[in-house]
Protein backbone atom coordinates (compact mmCIF):
# COMPACT_ATOMS: atom_id res chain seq x y z
CA MET A 1 88.02 83.24 7.23
CA ASN A 2 88.47 81.39 10.55
CA LYS A 3 85.59 82.42 12.85
CA LYS A 4 87.79 82.42 15.95
CA PHE A 5 90.29 84.67 14.23
CA ILE A 6 87.44 87.13 13.46
CA ILE A 7 86.37 87.10 17.12
CA LEU A 8 89.95 87.77 18.31
CA PHE A 9 90.69 90.36 15.62
CA PHE A 10 87.58 92.46 16.29
CA SER A 11 87.91 92.17 20.00
CA PHE A 12 91.49 93.43 19.52
CA LEU A 13 90.24 96.43 17.51
CA PHE A 14 87.44 97.26 19.95
CA SER A 15 89.73 97.01 22.95
CA GLN A 16 91.79 99.86 21.54
CA ASN A 17 88.81 102.22 22.06
CA PHE A 18 88.54 101.36 25.74
CA ARG A 19 92.19 101.02 26.63
CA GLU A 20 93.87 103.85 28.45
CA ASN A 21 95.96 104.74 25.44
CA ILE A 22 97.98 107.28 27.42
CA GLU A 23 99.53 104.29 29.24
CA LEU A 24 101.06 102.94 26.05
CA PHE A 25 104.26 104.93 26.23
CA THR A 26 107.44 102.88 27.10
CA TYR A 27 110.76 103.71 28.72
CA GLU A 28 114.17 102.16 29.29
CA ASN A 29 117.17 103.05 31.38
CA PHE A 30 120.66 102.04 30.22
CA LEU A 31 123.79 102.08 32.35
CA LYS A 32 127.33 102.84 31.22
CA PRO A 33 130.48 103.99 33.08
CA ASN A 34 131.59 107.53 33.52
CA LYS A 35 134.79 109.04 34.93
CA ASP A 36 135.52 109.07 38.64
CA GLU A 37 133.76 105.64 38.93
CA LYS A 38 130.28 107.20 38.44
CA VAL A 39 127.51 105.73 36.30
CA GLU A 40 125.73 107.47 33.45
CA ILE A 41 122.11 106.59 33.07
CA VAL A 42 120.77 107.10 29.54
CA SER A 43 117.01 107.24 29.57
CA ILE A 44 114.78 106.72 26.56
CA MET A 45 111.07 107.44 26.44
CA GLN A 46 108.98 106.36 23.43
CA ILE A 47 105.53 107.84 22.89
CA PRO A 48 103.46 106.12 20.13
CA ASN A 49 100.92 108.22 18.28
CA LEU A 50 98.20 105.93 19.57
CA SER A 51 98.82 107.27 23.13
CA LEU A 52 97.70 110.78 22.05
CA GLN A 53 94.50 112.40 20.83
CA PHE A 54 94.92 114.04 17.42
CA LEU A 55 92.62 116.86 16.42
CA LYS A 56 91.88 117.51 12.78
CA ASN A 57 92.35 120.88 11.13
CA GLU A 58 94.19 120.97 7.79
CA THR A 59 96.30 118.18 9.22
CA PHE A 60 96.07 116.04 12.34
CA LYS A 61 97.82 117.52 15.42
CA ALA A 62 98.45 116.33 18.96
CA ASN A 63 100.06 118.24 21.85
CA PHE A 64 101.72 116.80 24.90
CA GLN A 65 103.93 117.52 27.86
CA ALA A 66 106.41 115.00 29.22
CA SER A 67 109.02 114.88 31.89
CA ILE A 68 111.81 112.53 32.95
CA VAL A 69 112.73 112.94 36.63
CA PHE A 70 115.55 111.37 38.60
CA LEU A 71 115.46 111.14 42.40
CA ASP A 72 117.81 110.13 45.19
CA ASP A 73 115.34 108.83 47.73
CA ASP A 74 112.78 111.66 47.51
CA VAL A 75 115.22 114.44 46.52
CA ILE A 76 115.08 115.50 42.87
CA LEU A 77 118.51 115.18 41.20
CA ASN A 78 117.45 116.25 37.76
CA GLN A 79 114.26 116.90 35.83
CA ASN A 80 113.91 117.25 32.09
CA ASN A 81 110.70 118.74 30.74
CA PHE A 82 109.43 118.48 27.16
CA GLU A 83 106.50 120.03 25.34
CA LYS A 84 105.87 119.06 21.71
CA GLN A 85 103.30 119.10 18.94
CA ILE A 86 103.02 116.08 16.66
CA VAL A 87 101.67 116.49 13.13
CA ALA A 88 100.27 113.61 11.10
CA GLU A 89 99.06 113.82 7.46
CA ARG A 90 96.83 110.67 7.54
CA PHE A 91 94.31 109.42 10.05
CA ASN A 92 95.97 105.94 10.04
CA ASP A 93 99.16 107.60 11.33
CA THR A 94 97.27 109.04 14.29
CA VAL A 95 96.39 105.62 15.68
CA SER A 96 99.77 104.01 14.90
CA ARG A 97 101.73 102.17 17.59
CA LYS A 98 104.83 102.20 15.44
CA ILE A 99 105.14 105.96 14.75
CA VAL A 100 106.74 107.15 17.94
CA THR A 101 108.21 110.30 19.40
CA ILE A 102 111.48 109.60 21.17
CA LEU A 103 112.66 111.59 24.18
CA LYS A 104 116.16 111.07 25.57
CA THR A 105 118.09 112.39 28.56
CA SER A 106 121.07 111.24 30.66
CA ASN A 107 122.20 111.64 34.26
CA ILE A 108 125.49 110.90 36.02
CA VAL A 109 125.10 109.35 39.51
CA ASP A 110 126.95 107.34 42.19
CA ASN A 111 126.00 103.72 41.86
CA ASN A 112 125.69 103.33 45.63
CA LYS A 113 122.74 105.72 45.93
CA LYS A 114 119.05 104.84 45.92
CA ILE A 115 118.18 106.24 42.51
CA SER A 116 114.68 106.08 40.95
CA SER A 117 113.21 107.47 37.75
CA THR A 118 109.79 108.85 36.95
CA PHE A 119 108.40 109.16 33.42
CA TYR A 120 105.34 111.42 33.05
CA LEU A 121 103.15 112.09 30.00
CA LYS A 122 100.18 114.39 29.65
CA ASP A 123 97.95 114.85 26.60
CA LEU A 124 97.26 118.63 26.52
CA ASP A 125 94.02 118.17 24.55
CA THR A 126 92.35 115.44 26.53
CA LYS A 127 94.12 116.21 29.81
CA ASN A 128 94.73 112.49 30.25
CA ASP A 129 98.04 111.74 31.95
CA SER A 130 100.13 108.80 33.04
CA GLU A 131 103.12 108.31 35.33
CA LYS A 132 105.46 105.39 35.55
CA LYS A 133 108.18 104.94 38.12
CA GLU A 134 111.18 102.61 38.34
CA LYS A 135 113.91 102.03 40.90
CA ILE A 136 117.25 101.94 39.20
CA SER A 137 119.02 98.64 39.89
CA PHE A 138 122.76 98.47 39.66
CA ASP A 139 122.77 94.70 40.05
CA SER A 140 123.55 94.21 36.34
CA ILE A 141 127.00 95.82 36.98
CA HIS A 142 129.37 92.99 37.95
CA LYS A 143 132.24 93.96 40.24
CA SER A 144 135.03 91.63 41.25
CA GLN A 145 138.17 92.87 42.90
CA PHE A 146 139.05 95.97 40.91
CA LEU A 147 137.39 94.92 37.65
CA THR A 148 133.87 95.93 36.54
CA ILE A 149 131.70 94.53 33.75
CA TYR A 150 128.53 96.27 32.56
CA GLN A 151 125.55 94.66 30.95
CA PRO A 152 125.87 94.62 27.11
CA ILE A 153 123.84 97.31 25.35
CA PHE A 154 122.41 96.10 22.04
CA PHE A 155 121.39 98.45 19.22
CA LYS A 156 119.12 98.88 16.25
CA ASN A 157 119.34 101.58 13.65
CA ILE A 158 117.34 104.73 14.22
CA GLU A 159 118.60 108.00 12.76
CA GLY A 160 119.88 110.38 15.44
CA GLU A 161 122.25 110.65 18.37
CA TRP A 162 121.09 108.59 21.36
CA GLY A 163 124.17 108.65 23.57
CA PHE A 164 126.07 105.72 22.07
CA GLY A 165 127.10 106.90 18.59
CA LYS A 166 125.40 108.07 15.40
CA ASP A 167 122.18 106.12 14.66
CA LEU A 168 122.85 103.50 17.37
CA PHE A 169 119.55 103.25 19.27
CA PRO A 170 119.72 101.13 22.42
CA THR A 171 117.22 98.26 22.87
CA ASN A 172 115.85 96.16 25.66
CA ILE A 173 118.14 93.19 26.18
CA GLU A 174 115.19 90.87 25.74
CA ARG A 175 114.23 92.42 22.42
CA VAL A 176 117.46 92.34 20.41
CA GLU A 177 117.32 92.96 16.66
CA ALA A 178 119.71 92.24 13.90
CA ILE A 179 121.36 95.09 11.92
CA ASP A 180 122.60 94.02 8.45
CA ASN A 181 122.55 90.37 9.62
CA LYS A 182 124.61 91.09 12.73
CA LEU A 183 123.85 91.59 16.43
CA ILE A 184 125.67 94.73 17.45
CA PHE A 185 126.33 95.79 20.99
CA LYS A 186 128.68 97.89 23.05
CA GLN A 187 130.45 96.18 25.97
CA TYR A 188 131.58 98.63 28.71
CA PHE A 189 134.03 97.57 31.40
CA GLY A 190 136.51 99.10 33.83
CA GLY A 191 139.80 98.38 35.57
CA PHE A 192 143.22 99.72 36.02
CA LEU A 193 145.13 101.78 33.42
CA GLY A 194 147.17 99.61 31.12
CA ASP A 195 146.89 96.34 29.25
CA TYR A 196 143.76 94.22 29.35
CA SER A 197 142.16 91.31 27.52
CA ILE A 198 138.38 90.93 27.00
CA LYS A 199 136.83 87.83 25.54
CA ILE A 200 133.23 87.69 24.38
CA GLU A 201 131.57 84.22 24.20
CA LEU A 202 128.15 83.45 22.68
CA MET A 203 126.57 80.50 24.48
CA ASP A 204 123.64 78.24 23.67
CA LYS A 205 121.09 76.87 26.15
CA SER A 206 123.56 74.10 27.15
CA LYS A 207 126.15 76.79 28.02
CA GLN A 208 128.24 75.59 25.06
CA VAL A 209 130.39 78.29 23.34
CA ILE A 210 129.25 78.67 19.70
CA TRP A 211 131.07 81.90 18.84
CA SER A 212 133.83 83.89 20.54
CA ASN A 213 136.00 86.92 20.00
CA GLU A 214 139.01 88.01 22.06
CA ILE A 215 140.46 91.55 22.08
CA ASN A 216 143.64 92.86 23.65
CA ASP A 217 144.07 96.57 24.21
CA LYS A 218 145.04 99.25 26.73
CA ILE A 219 142.98 101.48 29.11
CA LEU A 220 144.54 104.84 28.64
CA SER A 221 142.39 107.14 30.76
CA ASP A 222 139.33 107.25 33.02
CA ASN A 223 139.82 103.65 34.14
CA PHE A 224 137.15 102.33 31.77
CA ASP A 225 136.77 101.41 28.11
CA PHE A 226 134.27 99.83 25.68
CA LYS A 227 134.26 97.77 22.55
CA LEU A 228 131.70 97.68 19.76
CA ILE A 229 131.05 93.98 19.07
CA SER A 230 129.34 92.40 16.05
CA ILE A 231 128.06 88.80 16.13
CA PRO A 232 127.08 87.19 12.79
CA TYR A 233 123.33 86.60 12.97
CA GLU A 234 123.63 83.11 11.50
CA LYS A 235 125.67 82.09 14.52
CA VAL A 236 122.84 82.94 16.92
CA PRO A 237 120.64 79.96 17.88
CA LYS A 238 116.92 80.76 17.46
CA GLY A 239 114.10 79.80 19.72
CA GLN A 240 116.18 79.02 22.83
CA ASP A 241 117.99 80.63 25.76
CA ILE A 242 121.01 82.61 24.57
CA GLY A 243 123.86 84.01 26.68
CA ILE A 244 126.78 86.37 26.30
CA LYS A 245 129.65 85.65 28.59
CA ILE A 246 132.09 88.48 29.20
CA ASN A 247 135.62 87.52 30.36
CA LEU A 248 137.84 90.37 31.51
CA SER A 249 141.50 90.06 32.45
CA HIS A 250 143.81 92.88 33.67
CA ASN A 251 147.32 92.09 34.91
CA ASN A 252 146.83 89.06 37.17
CA LEU A 253 143.14 89.69 37.81
CA THR A 254 140.30 87.97 35.94
CA THR A 255 136.52 87.98 36.26
CA SER A 256 133.61 86.98 34.10
CA LYS A 257 129.81 87.52 33.88
CA LEU A 258 127.05 85.81 31.89
CA TYR A 259 124.13 87.87 30.55
CA ASN A 260 121.08 86.27 28.92
CA PHE A 261 119.29 88.00 26.02
CA GLY A 262 116.35 87.38 23.72
CA LEU A 263 115.75 88.02 20.01
CA LEU A 264 112.93 90.21 18.80
CA ASP A 265 111.72 87.60 16.37
CA SER A 266 111.79 84.94 19.08
CA TYR A 267 108.60 83.94 20.91
CA LYS A 268 110.39 84.92 24.16
CA PHE A 269 109.84 88.62 23.29
CA PHE A 270 106.18 88.15 24.29
CA GLY A 271 106.97 86.81 27.76
CA ILE A 272 106.44 83.13 26.77
CA PRO A 273 108.60 80.81 28.86
CA ASN A 274 108.74 78.04 26.32
CA LEU A 275 107.44 77.22 22.92
CA ASP A 276 105.49 74.11 23.97
CA GLN A 277 103.50 76.17 26.43
CA ALA A 278 102.86 78.92 23.82
CA LEU A 279 101.51 76.36 21.37
CA GLU A 280 99.23 74.94 23.97
CA GLN A 281 97.94 78.39 24.92
CA MET A 282 97.03 79.06 21.34
CA VAL A 283 94.31 76.42 21.48
CA TYR A 284 91.58 79.05 21.44
CA ILE A 285 92.44 80.31 17.93
CA TYR A 286 93.35 77.09 16.05
CA SER A 287 91.20 76.19 13.10
CA ALA A 288 90.26 72.54 12.72
CA GLU A 289 93.06 72.01 10.22
CA GLU A 290 95.61 73.75 12.47
CA ARG A 291 94.50 71.78 15.50
CA LYS A 292 95.06 68.50 13.54
CA GLU A 293 98.51 69.73 12.44
CA TYR A 294 99.39 70.74 15.98
CA ARG A 295 98.53 67.25 17.33
CA ASN A 296 101.00 65.64 14.92
CA ILE A 297 103.77 68.25 15.06
CA LYS A 298 107.38 67.24 15.49
CA ASP A 299 109.78 69.15 17.81
CA ASN A 300 111.84 70.56 14.94
CA GLU A 301 108.63 71.94 13.31
CA LYS A 302 107.24 73.75 16.28
CA GLU A 303 108.85 77.15 15.80
CA SER A 304 107.99 77.33 12.06
CA PHE A 305 104.41 76.24 12.93
CA PHE A 306 104.21 78.99 15.60
CA LYS A 307 105.40 81.65 13.12
CA LYS A 308 103.08 80.38 10.35
CA ILE A 309 100.01 80.55 12.64
CA TRP A 310 100.70 84.15 13.60
CA ALA A 311 101.81 85.27 10.12
CA LYS A 312 98.32 84.46 8.91
CA ARG A 313 96.88 86.60 11.69
CA ASP A 314 99.13 89.61 11.41
CA PRO A 315 96.76 92.68 11.22
CA ASP A 316 99.44 94.95 9.71
CA ARG A 317 102.09 93.30 7.55
CA THR A 318 103.82 96.58 6.83
CA THR A 319 105.37 96.51 10.34
CA LYS A 320 107.93 94.10 11.83
CA GLU A 321 105.78 93.47 14.89
CA ASN A 322 102.66 91.40 15.03
CA GLU A 323 100.27 93.46 17.17
CA LEU A 324 97.64 90.74 17.48
CA LEU A 325 100.24 88.19 18.66
CA GLU A 326 101.45 90.62 21.30
CA GLU A 327 97.91 91.38 22.44
CA TYR A 328 97.03 87.71 22.60
CA PHE A 329 99.90 86.76 24.98
CA LYS A 330 99.34 89.83 27.11
CA ARG A 331 95.86 88.58 27.63
CA VAL A 332 97.15 85.02 28.42
CA SER A 333 99.51 86.54 30.98
CA PHE A 334 96.74 88.61 32.56
CA ALA A 335 94.40 85.64 32.67
CA ASP A 336 97.06 83.55 34.51
CA SER A 337 97.67 86.34 37.03
CA GLN A 338 93.94 86.98 37.71
CA PHE A 339 92.07 83.74 37.27
CA SER A 340 94.41 80.97 38.44
CA ARG A 341 93.05 78.91 41.36
CA GLY A 342 95.40 76.56 43.15
CA SER A 343 96.97 74.27 40.48
CA SER A 344 94.40 75.35 37.85
CA LEU A 345 95.96 77.76 35.34
CA GLY A 346 94.03 80.98 34.75
CA TRP A 347 94.31 80.82 30.96
CA ARG A 348 92.57 77.48 31.01
CA SER A 349 89.59 78.82 33.09
CA ASP A 350 86.29 79.90 31.56
CA MET A 351 87.00 83.51 32.58
CA GLY A 352 90.51 83.25 31.15
CA MET A 353 89.24 81.89 27.83
CA ILE A 354 86.65 84.70 27.45
CA TYR A 355 89.21 87.35 28.42
CA ILE A 356 91.70 86.02 25.89
CA LEU A 357 89.19 85.90 23.06
CA PHE A 358 87.23 89.10 23.82
CA GLY A 359 89.49 91.24 25.95
CA LYS A 360 88.52 93.42 28.90
CA PRO A 361 84.70 93.65 29.43
CA ASP A 362 83.07 97.07 29.26
CA GLU A 363 81.06 96.34 32.38
CA ILE A 364 80.98 93.74 35.12
CA SER A 365 78.14 92.97 37.55
CA ARG A 366 78.35 90.76 40.59
CA ASN A 367 75.49 89.30 42.67
CA SER A 368 74.07 86.11 44.10
CA ASN A 369 71.09 84.04 43.04
CA ILE A 370 67.77 84.59 44.82
CA GLN A 371 68.41 81.82 47.32
CA GLY A 372 71.91 83.06 48.01
CA THR A 373 73.41 79.68 47.29
CA TYR A 374 75.96 80.70 44.62
CA ASN A 375 77.63 83.79 43.16
CA VAL A 376 77.05 85.16 39.73
CA GLU A 377 79.34 87.43 37.69
CA THR A 378 78.31 88.87 34.29
CA TRP A 379 80.62 90.40 31.77
CA TYR A 380 79.19 92.85 29.18
CA TYR A 381 80.73 93.66 25.82
CA ASN A 382 78.72 96.51 24.38
CA ASN A 383 80.37 96.81 20.97
CA ILE A 384 79.59 93.22 20.02
CA ASN A 385 76.33 93.12 21.94
CA LYS A 386 77.39 90.05 23.99
CA ASN A 387 77.38 89.19 27.67
CA PHE A 388 78.74 86.18 29.44
CA VAL A 389 77.48 84.77 32.74
CA PHE A 390 79.81 82.99 35.13
CA ILE A 391 78.58 80.98 38.09
CA ASP A 392 80.58 80.08 41.22
CA ARG A 393 78.53 77.18 42.60
CA ASN A 394 80.84 76.14 45.47
CA GLY A 395 82.10 79.49 46.72
CA PHE A 396 85.75 78.79 45.97
CA GLY A 397 86.02 81.22 43.02
CA ASN A 398 85.79 78.56 40.36
CA TYR A 399 83.48 80.43 38.01
CA GLN A 400 82.06 78.49 35.09
CA LEU A 401 80.26 79.79 32.06
CA ASP A 402 76.51 79.30 31.86
CA PRO A 403 75.82 78.29 29.19
CA PRO A 404 79.24 76.95 27.98
CA PHE A 405 81.01 78.74 25.14
CA PHE A 406 82.53 76.56 22.45
CA TYR A 407 85.60 78.00 20.79
């Protein structure tokens, strides 16, 4: 097995023990129109089993409290509280990222108010807690004259009622999935009562239309409507920028809005701006054979090469996601944000390399040499019994490994 893969894989496993697992819950807010020109905010909170501490009796059980709070400035508009017990039969289920508890609530607000949301989670056994806040932006709602276009809401299938129809679970617009080889979304819009025309156009990175659908209908009440749209998955270009352009016409008024989205199986899901950069950033994990293949790769082979590299390193092939891939590019992003100096990219630095390969150190010590001529920083990794010494010889924060580490 590739030695560099072993290093990355075990650092990934060990990092789970030191990560603040309670922070792993996620949330999304989705906007859709409501009567009287108000906006309904549908809020989804997803709590993976890994965020909680399970205690073993006859089965494994975890207990938590959660709340979803909406505020107008600092005034509470609505607060939904939840208290649940999660039961797992197997230990592997207790540390799963993919088994999640879903909490859902909705609020109807004026879109001209300063609305914010707070998502709170507390593990009742460990007493660990986490709070995440977000200001609600209404910028995705496009208004022109008397016509309004809302950002498309894409779905995947999860059994239940989530505010959009049976088993239609809303997803992040950058993490769109196919359902039965189709991309399915609801397009909400508003205008006057009466006849309207709405045209949906799928656009590639050159803004060329590669698929379209036009619908003519009537708004009968509440001054808004929606359409459930299906795009054949084979029509969707992979590995590039994709856009949905919404064109709305009502009487003699017309307006349009372009929204970009990303596919779940695209490298863009992991915050990677382009494939060339992603392949370059993977230099720390290539085997000798893969490095040779990468040097000779053609443009039309890059995406399949990317997928092949990570398919071999998928720690759990029973899930759609590749947890190791996600962790790797999270580390790359962190390294760039923390260790970049001037025009030198953080992921290329010695500190960035060690962070990407080994994750967050358990301990860090900082001091100077006896003469005080340079700074020394040491990272300690207790589980693998390793430490790395970085020296800043010129005082400009350009820390270099001593001795060098060869990946």
